[in-house]
Structure formats: C-alpha cells, structure tokens
PDB file of N, CA and C in Angstrom:
ATOM      1  N   MET A   1      57.625 103.338 181.784  1.00  0.00           N
ATOM      2  CA  MET A   1      58.356 102.835 180.633  1.00  0.00           C
ATOM      3  C   MET A   1      57.622 103.247 179.356  1.00  0.00           C
ATOM      4  N   PRO A   2      58.319 103.869 178.418  1.00  0.00           N
ATOM      5  CA  PRO A   2      57.657 104.326 177.197  1.00  0.00           C
ATOM      6  C   PRO A   2      57.250 103.164 176.300  1.00  0.00           C
ATOM      7  N   LEU A   3      56.161 103.371 175.578  1.00  0.00           N
ATOM      8  CA  LEU A   3      55.688 102.346 174.651  1.00  0.00           C
ATOM      9  C   LEU A   3      56.573 102.243 173.418  1.00  0.00           C
ATOM     10  N   PHE A   4      57.064 103.381 172.967  1.00  0.00           N
ATOM     11  CA  PHE A   4      57.885 103.397 171.761  1.00  0.00           C
ATOM     12  C   PHE A   4      59.271 103.901 172.119  1.00  0.00           C
ATOM     13  N   LYS A   5      60.244 103.151 171.725  1.00  0.00           N
ATOM     14  CA  LYS A   5      61.622 103.535 171.996  1.00  0.00           C
ATOM     15  C   LYS A   5      62.129 104.390 170.844  1.00  0.00           C
ATOM     16  N   LYS A   6      62.657 105.560 171.162  1.00  0.00           N
ATOM     17  CA  LYS A   6      63.188 106.461 170.136  1.00  0.00           C
ATOM     18  C   LYS A   6      64.508 105.902 169.627  1.00  0.00           C
ATOM     19  N   ARG A   7      64.574 105.733 168.323  1.00  0.00           N
ATOM     20  CA  ARG A   7      65.788 105.213 167.719  1.00  0.00           C
ATOM     21  C   ARG A   7      66.766 106.367 167.516  1.00  0.00           C
ATOM     22  N   THR A   8      67.891 106.299 168.188  1.00  0.00           N
ATOM     23  CA  THR A   8      68.858 107.382 168.086  1.00  0.00           C
ATOM     24  C   THR A   8      70.031 107.015 167.181  1.00  0.00           C
ATOM     25  N   VAL A   9      70.241 105.744 166.951  1.00  0.00           N
ATOM     26  CA  VAL A   9      71.354 105.296 166.122  1.00  0.00           C
ATOM     27  C   VAL A   9      70.805 104.544 164.931  1.00  0.00           C
ATOM     28  N   GLY A  10      71.301 104.860 163.760  1.00  0.00           N
ATOM     29  CA  GLY A  10      70.847 104.198 162.549  1.00  0.00           C
ATOM     30  C   GLY A  10      71.478 102.837 162.377  1.00  0.00           C
ATOM     31  N   LYS A  11      70.948 102.107 161.450  1.00  0.00           N
ATOM     32  CA  LYS A  11      71.509 100.802 161.107  1.00  0.00           C
ATOM     33  C   LYS A  11      72.737 101.029 160.231  1.00  0.00           C
ATOM     34  N   PRO A  12      73.748 100.195 160.360  1.00  0.00           N
ATOM     35  CA  PRO A  12      74.896 100.332 159.457  1.00  0.00           C
ATOM     36  C   PRO A  12      74.434 100.210 158.008  1.00  0.00           C
ATOM     37  N   GLY A  13      74.927 101.082 157.174  1.00  0.00           N
ATOM     38  CA  GLY A  13      74.548 101.058 155.770  1.00  0.00           C
ATOM     39  C   GLY A  13      73.381 101.944 155.427  1.00  0.00           C
ATOM     40  N   GLU A  14      72.745 102.585 156.411  1.00  0.00           N
ATOM     41  CA  GLU A  14      71.676 103.554 156.141  1.00  0.00           C
ATOM     42  C   GLU A  14      72.319 104.933 156.025  1.00  0.00           C
ATOM     43  N   TRP A  15      72.055 105.587 154.915  1.00  0.00           N
ATOM     44  CA  TRP A  15      72.638 106.901 154.673  1.00  0.00           C
ATOM     45  C   TRP A  15      71.543 107.937 154.553  1.00  0.00           C
ATOM     46  N   PHE A  16      71.807 109.127 155.065  1.00  0.00           N
ATOM     47  CA  PHE A  16      70.857 110.229 155.059  1.00  0.00           C
ATOM     48  C   PHE A  16      71.543 111.499 154.575  1.00  0.00           C
ATOM     49  N   TYR A  17      70.748 112.455 154.089  1.00  0.00           N
ATOM     50  CA  TYR A  17      71.270 113.775 153.744  1.00  0.00           C
ATOM     51  C   TYR A  17      70.612 114.770 154.680  1.00  0.00           C
ATOM     52  N   CYS A  18      71.424 115.478 155.472  1.00  0.00           N
ATOM     53  CA  CYS A  18      70.911 116.474 156.415  1.00  0.00           C
ATOM     54  C   CYS A  18      70.725 117.800 155.687  1.00  0.00           C
ATOM     55  N   LEU A  19      69.487 118.294 155.677  1.00  0.00           N
ATOM     56  CA  LEU A  19      69.167 119.557 155.024  1.00  0.00           C
ATOM     57  C   LEU A  19      69.698 120.749 155.812  1.00  0.00           C
ATOM     58  N   GLU A  20      69.753 120.625 157.116  1.00  0.00           N
ATOM     59  CA  GLU A  20      70.220 121.711 157.980  1.00  0.00           C
ATOM     60  C   GLU A  20      71.728 121.931 157.828  1.00  0.00           C
ATOM     61  N   HIS A  21      72.481 120.834 157.881  1.00  0.00           N
ATOM     62  CA  HIS A  21      73.946 120.935 157.829  1.00  0.00           C
ATOM     63  C   HIS A  21      74.509 120.720 156.424  1.00  0.00           C
ATOM     64  N   GLN A  22      73.641 120.326 155.489  1.00  0.00           N
ATOM     65  CA  GLN A  22      74.016 120.057 154.101  1.00  0.00           C
ATOM     66  C   GLN A  22      75.181 119.075 154.019  1.00  0.00           C
ATOM     67  N   LYS A  23      74.975 117.928 154.707  1.00  0.00           N
ATOM     68  CA  LYS A  23      76.010 116.898 154.686  1.00  0.00           C
ATOM     69  C   LYS A  23      75.378 115.518 154.734  1.00  0.00           C
ATOM     70  N   VAL A  24      76.162 114.537 154.349  1.00  0.00           N
ATOM     71  CA  VAL A  24      75.739 113.141 154.364  1.00  0.00           C
ATOM     72  C   VAL A  24      76.050 112.558 155.735  1.00  0.00           C
ATOM     73  N   GLU A  25      75.116 111.749 156.253  1.00  0.00           N
ATOM     74  CA  GLU A  25      75.290 111.115 157.556  1.00  0.00           C
ATOM     75  C   GLU A  25      75.047 109.623 157.424  1.00  0.00           C
ATOM     76  N   GLU A  26      75.824 108.833 158.125  1.00  0.00           N
ATOM     77  CA  GLU A  26      75.521 107.403 158.207  1.00  0.00           C
ATOM     78  C   GLU A  26      74.706 107.210 159.466  1.00  0.00           C
ATOM     79  N   GLY A  27      73.504 106.750 159.293  1.00  0.00           N
ATOM     80  CA  GLY A  27      72.577 106.664 160.418  1.00  0.00           C
ATOM     81  C   GLY A  27      71.981 108.033 160.675  1.00  0.00           C
ATOM     82  N   PRO A  28      70.791 108.095 161.258  1.00  0.00           N
ATOM     83  CA  PRO A  28      70.155 109.390 161.478  1.00  0.00           C
ATOM     84  C   PRO A  28      70.804 110.139 162.643  1.00  0.00           C
ATOM     85  N   GLU A  29      71.590 111.147 162.330  1.00  0.00           N
ATOM     86  CA  GLU A  29      72.200 111.977 163.364  1.00  0.00           C
ATOM     87  C   GLU A  29      71.304 113.163 163.696  1.00  0.00           C
ATOM     88  N   CYS A  30      70.619 113.687 162.703  1.00  0.00           N
ATOM     89  CA  CYS A  30      69.763 114.863 162.877  1.00  0.00           C
ATOM     90  C   CYS A  30      68.290 114.436 162.894  1.00  0.00           C
ATOM     91  N   PRO A  31      67.403 115.307 163.391  1.00  0.00           N
ATOM     92  CA  PRO A  31      65.973 114.978 163.432  1.00  0.00           C
ATOM     93  C   PRO A  31      65.408 114.682 162.040  1.00  0.00           C
ATOM     94  N   ALA A  32      64.383 113.857 162.002  1.00  0.00           N
ATOM     95  CA  ALA A  32      63.766 113.445 160.736  1.00  0.00           C
ATOM     96  C   ALA A  32      63.277 114.636 159.916  1.00  0.00           C
ATOM     97  N   LYS A  33      62.839 115.694 160.574  1.00  0.00           N
ATOM     98  CA  LYS A  33      62.330 116.873 159.846  1.00  0.00           C
ATOM     99  C   LYS A  33      63.425 117.577 159.054  1.00  0.00           C
ATOM    100  N   ASP A  34      64.683 117.284 159.358  1.00  0.00           N
ATOM    101  CA  ASP A  34      65.803 117.959 158.715  1.00  0.00           C
ATOM    102  C   ASP A  34      66.588 117.065 157.762  1.00  0.00           C
ATOM    103  N   ARG A  35      66.027 115.916 157.379  1.00  0.00           N
ATOM    104  CA  ARG A  35      66.829 115.018 156.544  1.00  0.00           C
ATOM    105  C   ARG A  35      66.014 114.280 155.506  1.00  0.00           C
ATOM    106  N   PHE A  36      66.701 113.869 154.439  1.00  0.00           N
ATOM    107  CA  PHE A  36      66.165 112.977 153.414  1.00  0.00           C
ATOM    108  C   PHE A  36      66.805 111.617 153.642  1.00  0.00           C
ATOM    109  N   GLY A  37      66.070 110.562 153.356  1.00  0.00           N
ATOM    110  CA  GLY A  37      66.645 109.226 153.448  1.00  0.00           C
ATOM    111  C   GLY A  37      65.697 108.281 154.140  1.00  0.00           C
ATOM    112  N   PRO A  38      66.087 107.070 154.315  1.00  0.00           N
ATOM    113  CA  PRO A  38      67.438 106.535 154.127  1.00  0.00           C
ATOM    114  C   PRO A  38      67.723 106.168 152.672  1.00  0.00           C
ATOM    115  N   TYR A  39      68.992 106.226 152.343  1.00  0.00           N
ATOM    116  CA  TYR A  39      69.497 105.822 151.036  1.00  0.00           C
ATOM    117  C   TYR A  39      70.357 104.578 151.222  1.00  0.00           C
ATOM    118  N   ALA A  40      70.496 103.795 150.163  1.00  0.00           N
ATOM    119  CA  ALA A  40      71.252 102.547 150.231  1.00  0.00           C
ATOM    120  C   ALA A  40      72.759 102.769 150.221  1.00  0.00           C
ATOM    121  N   SER A  41      73.195 103.929 149.715  1.00  0.00           N
ATOM    122  CA  SER A  41      74.638 104.175 149.638  1.00  0.00           C
ATOM    123  C   SER A  41      74.949 105.630 149.940  1.00  0.00           C
ATOM    124  N   ARG A  42      76.197 105.877 150.271  1.00  0.00           N
ATOM    125  CA  ARG A  42      76.664 107.232 150.519  1.00  0.00           C
ATOM    126  C   ARG A  42      76.494 108.086 149.256  1.00  0.00           C
ATOM    127  N   GLN A  43      76.778 107.506 148.114  1.00  0.00           N
ATOM    128  CA  GLN A  43      76.693 108.228 146.845  1.00  0.00           C
ATOM    129  C   GLN A  43      75.259 108.684 146.562  1.00  0.00           C
ATOM    130  N   GLU A  44      74.278 107.810 146.831  1.00  0.00           N
ATOM    131  CA  GLU A  44      72.872 108.204 146.641  1.00  0.00           C
ATOM    132  C   GLU A  44      72.526 109.382 147.545  1.00  0.00           C
ATOM    133  N   ALA A  45      72.975 109.332 148.787  1.00  0.00           N
ATOM    134  CA  ALA A  45      72.692 110.410 149.732  1.00  0.00           C
ATOM    135  C   ALA A  45      73.365 111.710 149.298  1.00  0.00           C
ATOM    136  N   GLN A  46      74.550 111.628 148.720  1.00  0.00           N
ATOM    137  CA  GLN A  46      75.256 112.821 148.246  1.00  0.00           C
ATOM    138  C   GLN A  46      74.484 113.518 147.135  1.00  0.00           C
ATOM    139  N   HIS A  47      73.702 112.769 146.382  1.00  0.00           N
ATOM    140  CA  HIS A  47      72.930 113.331 145.270  1.00  0.00           C
ATOM    141  C   HIS A  47      71.464 113.580 145.644  1.00  0.00           C
ATOM    142  N   ALA A  48      71.164 113.634 146.924  1.00  0.00           N
ATOM    143  CA  ALA A  48      69.778 113.775 147.386  1.00  0.00           C
ATOM    144  C   ALA A  48      69.103 115.031 146.859  1.00  0.00           C
ATOM    145  N   MET A  49      69.793 116.152 146.882  1.00  0.00           N
ATOM    146  CA  MET A  49      69.178 117.405 146.431  1.00  0.00           C
ATOM    147  C   MET A  49      68.944 117.382 144.920  1.00  0.00           C
ATOM    148  N   GLU A  50      69.867 116.825 144.180  1.00  0.00           N
ATOM    149  CA  GLU A  50      69.703 116.694 142.730  1.00  0.00           C
ATOM    150  C   GLU A  50      68.514 115.790 142.407  1.00  0.00           C
ATOM    151  N   THR A  51      68.409 114.688 143.123  1.00  0.00           N
ATOM    152  CA  THR A  51      67.292 113.757 142.938  1.00  0.00           C
ATOM    153  C   THR A  51      65.965 114.454 143.246  1.00  0.00           C
ATOM    154  N   ALA A  52      65.939 115.230 144.324  1.00  0.00           N
ATOM    155  CA  ALA A  52      64.714 115.950 144.690  1.00  0.00           C
ATOM    156  C   ALA A  52      64.333 116.960 143.618  1.00  0.00           C
ATOM    157  N   ARG A  53      65.319 117.692 143.077  1.00  0.00           N
ATOM    158  CA  ARG A  53      65.032 118.658 142.007  1.00  0.00           C
ATOM    159  C   ARG A  53      64.450 117.962 140.779  1.00  0.00           C
ATOM    160  N   GLU A  54      65.044 116.836 140.409  1.00  0.00           N
ATOM    161  CA  GLU A  54      64.548 116.090 139.240  1.00  0.00           C
ATOM    162  C   GLU A  54      63.124 115.602 139.465  1.00  0.00           C
ATOM    163  N   ARG A  55      62.848 115.079 140.647  1.00  0.00           N
ATOM    164  CA  ARG A  55      61.488 114.578 140.942  1.00  0.00           C
ATOM    165  C   ARG A  55      60.479 115.716 140.982  1.00  0.00           C
ATOM    166  N   ASN A  56      60.869 116.858 141.529  1.00  0.00           N
ATOM    167  CA  ASN A  56      59.964 118.013 141.554  1.00  0.00           C
ATOM    168  C   ASN A  56      59.645 118.482 140.144  1.00  0.00           C
ATOM    169  N   LEU A  57      60.638 118.514 139.281  1.00  0.00           N
ATOM    170  CA  LEU A  57      60.433 118.925 137.895  1.00  0.00           C
ATOM    171  C   LEU A  57      59.497 117.950 137.177  1.00  0.00           C
ATOM    172  N   GLN A  58      59.683 116.651 137.409  1.00  0.00           N
ATOM    173  CA  GLN A  58      58.796 115.651 136.812  1.00  0.00           C
ATOM    174  C   GLN A  58      57.365 115.857 137.302  1.00  0.00           C
ATOM    175  N   TRP A  59      57.204 116.093 138.592  1.00  0.00           N
ATOM    176  CA  TRP A  59      55.883 116.287 139.177  1.00  0.00           C
ATOM    177  C   TRP A  59      55.221 117.540 138.600  1.00  0.00           C
ATOM    178  N   GLU A  60      55.980 118.635 138.503  1.00  0.00           N
ATOM    179  CA  GLU A  60      55.425 119.890 137.994  1.00  0.00           C
ATOM    180  C   GLU A  60      54.977 119.770 136.543  1.00  0.00           C
ATOM    181  N   ASN A  61      55.610 118.890 135.779  1.00  0.00           N
ATOM    182  CA  ASN A  61      55.282 118.740 134.361  1.00  0.00           C
ATOM    183  C   ASN A  61      54.394 117.535 134.066  1.00  0.00           C
ATOM    184  N   ASP A  62      53.922 116.865 135.089  1.00  0.00           N
ATOM    185  CA  ASP A  62      53.069 115.695 134.909  1.00  0.00           C
ATOM    186  C   ASP A  62      51.615 116.151 134.784  1.00  0.00           C
ATOM    187  N   PRO A  63      50.985 115.956 133.632  1.00  0.00           N
ATOM    188  CA  PRO A  63      49.612 116.436 133.449  1.00  0.00           C
ATOM    189  C   PRO A  63      48.601 115.757 134.374  1.00  0.00           C
ATOM    190  N   ARG A  64      48.934 114.604 134.914  1.00  0.00           N
ATOM    191  CA  ARG A  64      48.002 113.924 135.827  1.00  0.00           C
ATOM    192  C   ARG A  64      47.843 114.679 137.140  1.00  0.00           C
ATOM    193  N   TRP A  65      48.766 115.599 137.472  1.00  0.00           N
ATOM    194  CA  TRP A  65      48.717 116.317 138.736  1.00  0.00           C
ATOM    195  C   TRP A  65      48.091 117.694 138.609  1.00  0.00           C
ATOM    196  N   HIS A  66      47.578 118.031 137.440  1.00  0.00           N
ATOM    197  CA  HIS A  66      46.968 119.346 137.239  1.00  0.00           C
ATOM    198  C   HIS A  66      45.458 119.185 137.072  1.00  0.00           C
ATOM    199  N   ASP A  67      44.722 120.143 137.606  1.00  0.00           N
ATOM    200  CA  ASP A  67      43.262 120.070 137.589  1.00  0.00           C
ATOM    201  C   ASP A  67      42.638 120.636 136.328  1.00  0.00           C
ATOM    202  N   THR A  68      43.412 121.262 135.466  1.00  0.00           N
ATOM    203  CA  THR A  68      42.831 121.864 134.269  1.00  0.00           C
ATOM    204  C   THR A  68      42.495 120.786 133.247  1.00  0.00           C
ATOM    205  N   ALA A  69      41.363 120.951 132.622  1.00  0.00           N
ATOM    206  CA  ALA A  69      40.960 120.021 131.565  1.00  0.00           C
ATOM    207  C   ALA A  69      41.692 120.381 130.277  1.00  0.00           C
ATOM    208  N   ALA A  70      41.748 119.462 129.372  1.00  0.00           N
ATOM    209  CA  ALA A  70      42.419 119.704 128.089  1.00  0.00           C
ATOM    210  C   ALA A  70      41.793 120.896 127.385  1.00  0.00           C
ATOM    211  N   GLY A  71      42.612 121.829 126.925  1.00  0.00           N
ATOM    212  CA  GLY A  71      42.119 122.999 126.219  1.00  0.00           C
ATOM    213  C   GLY A  71      41.806 124.183 127.101  1.00  0.00           C
ATOM    214  N   GLU A  72      41.771 123.998 128.419  1.00  0.00           N
ATOM    215  CA  GLU A  72      41.516 125.110 129.337  1.00  0.00           C
ATOM    216  C   GLU A  72      42.834 125.739 129.759  1.00  0.00           C
ATOM    217  N   SER A  73      42.795 127.028 130.048  1.00  0.00           N
ATOM    218  CA  SER A  73      43.995 127.683 130.550  1.00  0.00           C
ATOM    219  C   SER A  73      43.947 127.669 132.072  1.00  0.00           C
ATOM    220  N   GLU A  74      45.112 127.737 132.713  1.00  0.00           N
ATOM    221  CA  GLU A  74      45.157 127.716 134.172  1.00  0.00           C
ATOM    222  C   GLU A  74      44.704 129.036 134.777  1.00  0.00           C
ATOM    223  N   GLU A  75      44.653 130.102 133.984  1.00  0.00           N
ATOM    224  CA  GLU A  75      44.284 131.419 134.507  1.00  0.00           C
ATOM    225  C   GLU A  75      42.773 131.556 134.723  1.00  0.00           C
ATOM    226  N   GLY A  76      41.998 130.679 134.184  1.00  0.00           N
ATOM    227  CA  GLY A  76      40.580 130.779 134.458  1.00  0.00           C
ATOM    228  C   GLY A  76      39.793 130.739 133.248  1.00  0.00           C
TER     229      GLY A  76
END
C-alpha cells in the first residue's frame, strides 16, 4: 500500500491553466509540470499567461533582484 495517494481529481472550484494544451481545466487534468494553478476562478486561469508575463516583467525590473551595486554597469 503506497504511503502517498496520488490525487487524480481536483477539488470543485480549483482551476488550472495547461501549458501543453493551452486551455483551462477544472481540477488537475494534466501533470503538474505542465500547468499553472490552482486559481480561484475560471477567469483567473484564463489570464494565467498574462499574469505570468506581468510578474516576470516586474521581477526583471525589480532592483532588489540584481547583484549590481548602484552606479555599476552590468557589463563589468
């Protein structure tokens, strides 16, 4: 008997965005490596890629995530 039971069906109301199929799923239909979520609503899951782009842009422009000191250039 396995120690951990693999959850194959999601809870009602859990929404995911499948990166492989580029579609919204209620409950995890695809493997975790291929999806974003869970989201609270279908609409949030539909905007998953847009949300990811916005967060990546914020991260790329956040000075706290860069190792260069003030006044130094990144080229060396």
